[in-house]
PDB file of all heavy atoms in Angstrom:
ATOM      1  N   THR A   1      -7.228  13.730   8.321  1.00  0.00           N
ATOM      2  CA  THR A   1      -6.330  13.454   7.205  1.00  0.00           C
ATOM      3  C   THR A   1      -6.971  12.400   6.315  1.00  0.00           C
ATOM      4  O   THR A   1      -7.481  11.396   6.821  1.00  0.00           O
ATOM      5  CB  THR A   1      -4.966  12.933   7.685  1.00  0.00           C
ATOM      6  OG1 THR A   1      -4.312  13.963   8.420  1.00  0.00           O
ATOM      7  CG2 THR A   1      -4.080  12.529   6.507  1.00  0.00           C
ATOM      8  N   PHE A   2      -6.946  12.628   5.014  1.00  0.00           N
ATOM      9  CA  PHE A   2      -7.498  11.634   4.094  1.00  0.00           C
ATOM     10  C   PHE A   2      -6.538  10.453   3.969  1.00  0.00           C
ATOM     11  O   PHE A   2      -6.799   9.376   4.483  1.00  0.00           O
ATOM     12  CB  PHE A   2      -7.763  12.270   2.726  1.00  0.00           C
ATOM     13  CG  PHE A   2      -8.415  11.333   1.752  1.00  0.00           C
ATOM     14  CD1 PHE A   2      -9.707  10.880   1.951  1.00  0.00           C
ATOM     15  CD2 PHE A   2      -7.732  10.914   0.614  1.00  0.00           C
ATOM     16  CE1 PHE A   2     -10.321  10.019   1.052  1.00  0.00           C
ATOM     17  CE2 PHE A   2      -8.332  10.045  -0.291  1.00  0.00           C
ATOM     18  CZ  PHE A   2      -9.623   9.600  -0.080  1.00  0.00           C
ATOM     19  N   CYS A   3      -5.392  10.665   3.331  1.00  0.00           N
ATOM     20  CA  CYS A   3      -4.429   9.574   3.169  1.00  0.00           C
ATOM     21  C   CYS A   3      -3.114  10.147   2.668  1.00  0.00           C
ATOM     22  O   CYS A   3      -3.088  10.904   1.696  1.00  0.00           O
ATOM     23  CB  CYS A   3      -4.957   8.535   2.194  1.00  0.00           C
ATOM     24  SG  CYS A   3      -3.799   7.188   1.844  1.00  0.00           S
ATOM     25  N   ALA A   4      -2.013   9.759   3.325  1.00  0.00           N
ATOM     26  CA  ALA A   4      -0.686  10.225   2.937  1.00  0.00           C
ATOM     27  C   ALA A   4      -0.041   9.326   1.896  1.00  0.00           C
ATOM     28  O   ALA A   4       1.146   9.470   1.602  1.00  0.00           O
ATOM     29  CB  ALA A   4       0.215  10.320   4.164  1.00  0.00           C
ATOM     30  N   GLY A   5      -0.808   8.395   1.327  1.00  0.00           N
ATOM     31  CA  GLY A   5      -0.267   7.544   0.275  1.00  0.00           C
ATOM     32  C   GLY A   5       0.243   6.219   0.801  1.00  0.00           C
ATOM     33  O   GLY A   5      -0.188   5.732   1.840  1.00  0.00           O
ATOM     34  N   MET A   6       1.171   5.643   0.087  1.00  0.00           N
ATOM     35  CA  MET A   6       1.729   4.351   0.471  1.00  0.00           C
ATOM     36  C   MET A   6       2.605   4.493   1.706  1.00  0.00           C
ATOM     37  O   MET A   6       3.378   5.440   1.830  1.00  0.00           O
ATOM     38  CB  MET A   6       2.576   3.783  -0.676  1.00  0.00           C
ATOM     39  CG  MET A   6       3.217   2.438  -0.390  1.00  0.00           C
ATOM     40  SD  MET A   6       4.044   1.736  -1.834  1.00  0.00           S
ATOM     41  CE  MET A   6       5.340   2.943  -2.132  1.00  0.00           C
ATOM     42  N   ASP A   7       2.465   3.544   2.634  1.00  0.00           N
ATOM     43  CA  ASP A   7       3.320   3.505   3.819  1.00  0.00           C
ATOM     44  C   ASP A   7       4.687   2.963   3.401  1.00  0.00           C
ATOM     45  O   ASP A   7       4.851   1.766   3.165  1.00  0.00           O
ATOM     46  CB  ASP A   7       2.685   2.598   4.880  1.00  0.00           C
ATOM     47  CG  ASP A   7       3.434   2.634   6.198  1.00  0.00           C
ATOM     48  OD1 ASP A   7       4.668   2.803   6.174  1.00  0.00           O
ATOM     49  OD2 ASP A   7       2.786   2.472   7.246  1.00  0.00           O
ATOM     50  N   LEU A   8       5.661   3.856   3.289  1.00  0.00           N
ATOM     51  CA  LEU A   8       6.979   3.463   2.782  1.00  0.00           C
ATOM     52  C   LEU A   8       7.678   2.487   3.729  1.00  0.00           C
ATOM     53  O   LEU A   8       8.406   1.601   3.280  1.00  0.00           O
ATOM     54  CB  LEU A   8       7.842   4.707   2.561  1.00  0.00           C
ATOM     55  CG  LEU A   8       7.322   5.685   1.505  1.00  0.00           C
ATOM     56  CD1 LEU A   8       8.237   6.898   1.415  1.00  0.00           C
ATOM     57  CD2 LEU A   8       7.201   5.013   0.151  1.00  0.00           C
ATOM     58  N   LYS A   9       7.436   2.634   5.027  1.00  0.00           N
ATOM     59  CA  LYS A   9       8.049   1.705   5.981  1.00  0.00           C
ATOM     60  C   LYS A   9       7.478   0.306   5.801  1.00  0.00           C
ATOM     61  O   LYS A   9       8.203  -0.686   5.856  1.00  0.00           O
ATOM     62  CB  LYS A   9       7.826   2.197   7.410  1.00  0.00           C
ATOM     63  CG  LYS A   9       8.566   3.492   7.744  1.00  0.00           C
ATOM     64  CD  LYS A   9       8.305   3.906   9.178  1.00  0.00           C
ATOM     65  CE  LYS A   9       9.046   5.188   9.518  1.00  0.00           C
ATOM     66  NZ  LYS A   9       8.764   5.640  10.915  1.00  0.00           N
ATOM     67  N   ALA A  10       6.173   0.232   5.580  1.00  0.00           N
ATOM     68  CA  ALA A  10       5.548  -1.070   5.352  1.00  0.00           C
ATOM     69  C   ALA A  10       6.057  -1.693   4.060  1.00  0.00           C
ATOM     70  O   ALA A  10       6.333  -2.902   3.999  1.00  0.00           O
ATOM     71  CB  ALA A  10       4.029  -0.925   5.311  1.00  0.00           C
ATOM     72  N   ALA A  11       6.177  -0.859   3.025  1.00  0.00           N
ATOM     73  CA  ALA A  11       6.688  -1.361   1.755  1.00  0.00           C
ATOM     74  C   ALA A  11       8.118  -1.876   1.899  1.00  0.00           C
ATOM     75  O   ALA A  11       8.490  -2.901   1.328  1.00  0.00           O
ATOM     76  CB  ALA A  11       6.617  -0.274   0.692  1.00  0.00           C
ATOM     77  N   ALA A  12       8.913  -1.174   2.712  1.00  0.00           N
ATOM     78  CA  ALA A  12      10.299  -1.600   2.933  1.00  0.00           C
ATOM     79  C   ALA A  12      10.363  -2.933   3.666  1.00  0.00           C
ATOM     80  O   ALA A  12      11.330  -3.693   3.507  1.00  0.00           O
ATOM     81  CB  ALA A  12      11.053  -0.527   3.716  1.00  0.00           C
ATOM     82  N   ARG A  13       9.316  -3.218   4.468  1.00  0.00           N
ATOM     83  CA  ARG A  13       9.249  -4.510   5.158  1.00  0.00           C
ATOM     84  C   ARG A  13       8.750  -5.625   4.236  1.00  0.00           C
ATOM     85  O   ARG A  13       8.666  -6.782   4.641  1.00  0.00           O
ATOM     86  CB  ARG A  13       8.306  -4.415   6.362  1.00  0.00           C
ATOM     87  CG  ARG A  13       8.799  -3.532   7.486  1.00  0.00           C
ATOM     88  CD  ARG A  13       7.975  -3.739   8.742  1.00  0.00           C
ATOM     89  NE  ARG A  13       6.582  -3.381   8.571  1.00  0.00           N
ATOM     90  CZ  ARG A  13       6.065  -2.177   8.839  1.00  0.00           C
ATOM     91  NH1 ARG A  13       6.859  -1.205   9.268  1.00  0.00           N
ATOM     92  NH2 ARG A  13       4.769  -1.952   8.675  1.00  0.00           N
ATOM     93  N   GLY A  14       8.404  -5.261   3.021  1.00  0.00           N
ATOM     94  CA  GLY A  14       7.932  -6.253   2.069  1.00  0.00           C
ATOM     95  C   GLY A  14       6.435  -6.437   2.053  1.00  0.00           C
ATOM     96  O   GLY A  14       5.937  -7.370   1.414  1.00  0.00           O
ATOM     97  N   GLU A  15       5.697  -5.569   2.745  1.00  0.00           N
ATOM     98  CA  GLU A  15       4.246  -5.700   2.752  1.00  0.00           C
ATOM     99  C   GLU A  15       3.674  -5.378   1.375  1.00  0.00           C
ATOM    100  O   GLU A  15       4.134  -4.463   0.691  1.00  0.00           O
ATOM    101  CB  GLU A  15       3.622  -4.761   3.794  1.00  0.00           C
ATOM    102  CG  GLU A  15       3.907  -5.161   5.227  1.00  0.00           C
ATOM    103  CD  GLU A  15       3.082  -4.361   6.227  1.00  0.00           C
ATOM    104  OE1 GLU A  15       2.035  -3.816   5.825  1.00  0.00           O
ATOM    105  OE2 GLU A  15       3.483  -4.290   7.394  1.00  0.00           O
ATOM    106  N   GLN A  16       2.646  -6.114   0.980  1.00  0.00           N
ATOM    107  CA  GLN A  16       1.970  -5.882  -0.286  1.00  0.00           C
ATOM    108  C   GLN A  16       0.861  -4.855  -0.094  1.00  0.00           C
ATOM    109  O   GLN A  16      -0.060  -5.077   0.688  1.00  0.00           O
ATOM    110  CB  GLN A  16       1.387  -7.187  -0.828  1.00  0.00           C
ATOM    111  CG  GLN A  16       2.425  -8.189  -1.274  1.00  0.00           C
ATOM    112  CD  GLN A  16       3.243  -7.680  -2.451  1.00  0.00           C
ATOM    113  OE1 GLN A  16       2.706  -7.096  -3.394  1.00  0.00           O
ATOM    114  NE2 GLN A  16       4.550  -7.872  -2.371  1.00  0.00           N
ATOM    115  N   VAL A  17       0.972  -3.734  -0.790  1.00  0.00           N
ATOM    116  CA  VAL A  17      -0.050  -2.691  -0.686  1.00  0.00           C
ATOM    117  C   VAL A  17      -0.958  -2.691  -1.913  1.00  0.00           C
ATOM    118  O   VAL A  17      -1.745  -1.773  -2.110  1.00  0.00           O
ATOM    119  CB  VAL A  17       0.584  -1.303  -0.481  1.00  0.00           C
ATOM    120  CG1 VAL A  17       1.287  -1.243   0.858  1.00  0.00           C
ATOM    121  CG2 VAL A  17       1.547  -0.968  -1.611  1.00  0.00           C
ATOM    122  N   THR A  18      -0.820  -3.736  -2.742  1.00  0.00           N
ATOM    123  CA  THR A  18      -1.738  -3.932  -3.859  1.00  0.00           C
ATOM    124  C   THR A  18      -2.524  -5.221  -3.632  1.00  0.00           C
ATOM    125  O   THR A  18      -2.072  -6.118  -2.920  1.00  0.00           O
ATOM    126  CB  THR A  18      -0.998  -4.028  -5.203  1.00  0.00           C
ATOM    127  OG1 THR A  18      -0.137  -5.169  -5.184  1.00  0.00           O
ATOM    128  CG2 THR A  18      -0.164  -2.768  -5.456  1.00  0.00           C
ATOM    129  N   VAL A  19      -3.688  -5.289  -4.233  1.00  0.00           N
ATOM    130  CA  VAL A  19      -4.562  -6.459  -4.117  1.00  0.00           C
ATOM    131  C   VAL A  19      -4.841  -6.972  -5.525  1.00  0.00           C
ATOM    132  O   VAL A  19      -5.229  -6.174  -6.401  1.00  0.00           O
ATOM    133  CB  VAL A  19      -5.884  -6.108  -3.409  1.00  0.00           C
ATOM    134  CG1 VAL A  19      -6.831  -7.290  -3.387  1.00  0.00           C
ATOM    135  CG2 VAL A  19      -5.598  -5.627  -1.988  1.00  0.00           C
ATOM    136  N   PRO A  20      -4.640  -8.249  -5.787  1.00  0.00           N
ATOM    137  CA  PRO A  20      -4.882  -8.774  -7.133  1.00  0.00           C
ATOM    138  C   PRO A  20      -6.268  -8.417  -7.658  1.00  0.00           C
ATOM    139  O   PRO A  20      -7.268  -8.594  -6.971  1.00  0.00           O
ATOM    140  CB  PRO A  20      -4.733 -10.289  -6.949  1.00  0.00           C
ATOM    141  CG  PRO A  20      -3.790 -10.432  -5.794  1.00  0.00           C
ATOM    142  CD  PRO A  20      -4.140  -9.306  -4.869  1.00  0.00           C
ATOM    143  N   GLY A  21      -6.300  -7.882  -8.864  1.00  0.00           N
ATOM    144  CA  GLY A  21      -7.561  -7.504  -9.488  1.00  0.00           C
ATOM    145  C   GLY A  21      -8.087  -6.146  -9.079  1.00  0.00           C
ATOM    146  O   GLY A  21      -8.983  -5.607  -9.732  1.00  0.00           O
ATOM    147  N   LYS A  22      -7.531  -5.580  -7.992  1.00  0.00           N
ATOM    148  CA  LYS A  22      -8.012  -4.276  -7.517  1.00  0.00           C
ATOM    149  C   LYS A  22      -6.908  -3.225  -7.455  1.00  0.00           C
ATOM    150  O   LYS A  22      -7.179  -2.049  -7.262  1.00  0.00           O
ATOM    151  CB  LYS A  22      -8.674  -4.415  -6.147  1.00  0.00           C
ATOM    152  CG  LYS A  22      -9.976  -5.228  -6.171  1.00  0.00           C
ATOM    153  CD  LYS A  22     -10.624  -5.231  -4.805  1.00  0.00           C
ATOM    154  CE  LYS A  22     -11.999  -5.878  -4.834  1.00  0.00           C
ATOM    155  NZ  LYS A  22     -11.942  -7.308  -5.114  1.00  0.00           N
ATOM    156  N   GLY A  23      -5.650  -3.644  -7.564  1.00  0.00           N
ATOM    157  CA  GLY A  23      -4.551  -2.690  -7.614  1.00  0.00           C
ATOM    158  C   GLY A  23      -4.186  -2.086  -6.281  1.00  0.00           C
ATOM    159  O   GLY A  23      -4.515  -2.627  -5.213  1.00  0.00           O
ATOM    160  N   PHE A  24      -3.484  -0.942  -6.337  1.00  0.00           N
ATOM    161  CA  PHE A  24      -3.020  -0.268  -5.126  1.00  0.00           C
ATOM    162  C   PHE A  24      -4.186   0.022  -4.194  1.00  0.00           C
ATOM    163  O   PHE A  24      -5.258   0.471  -4.610  1.00  0.00           O
ATOM    164  CB  PHE A  24      -2.310   1.040  -5.492  1.00  0.00           C
ATOM    165  CG  PHE A  24      -1.996   1.907  -4.299  1.00  0.00           C
ATOM    166  CD1 PHE A  24      -0.984   1.552  -3.431  1.00  0.00           C
ATOM    167  CD2 PHE A  24      -2.740   3.052  -4.039  1.00  0.00           C
ATOM    168  CE1 PHE A  24      -0.709   2.332  -2.311  1.00  0.00           C
ATOM    169  CE2 PHE A  24      -2.470   3.833  -2.934  1.00  0.00           C
ATOM    170  CZ  PHE A  24      -1.447   3.470  -2.068  1.00  0.00           C
ATOM    171  N   ALA A  25      -3.977  -0.253  -2.915  1.00  0.00           N
ATOM    172  CA  ALA A  25      -4.942   0.027  -1.854  1.00  0.00           C
ATOM    173  C   ALA A  25      -6.269  -0.706  -2.047  1.00  0.00           C
ATOM    174  O   ALA A  25      -7.276  -0.336  -1.444  1.00  0.00           O
ATOM    175  CB  ALA A  25      -5.191   1.529  -1.723  1.00  0.00           C
ATOM    176  N   GLY A  26      -6.260  -1.736  -2.880  1.00  0.00           N
ATOM    177  CA  GLY A  26      -7.479  -2.512  -3.072  1.00  0.00           C
ATOM    178  C   GLY A  26      -8.582  -1.783  -3.794  1.00  0.00           C
ATOM    179  O   GLY A  26      -9.745  -2.203  -3.746  1.00  0.00           O
TER     180      GLY A  26
END
């Protein structure tokens, strides 16, 4: 599997899936 996108459970826990200057998934 390549990638199913953003982990919605992690996002719901408040995890940051963006990185400053690099955006989503770094």
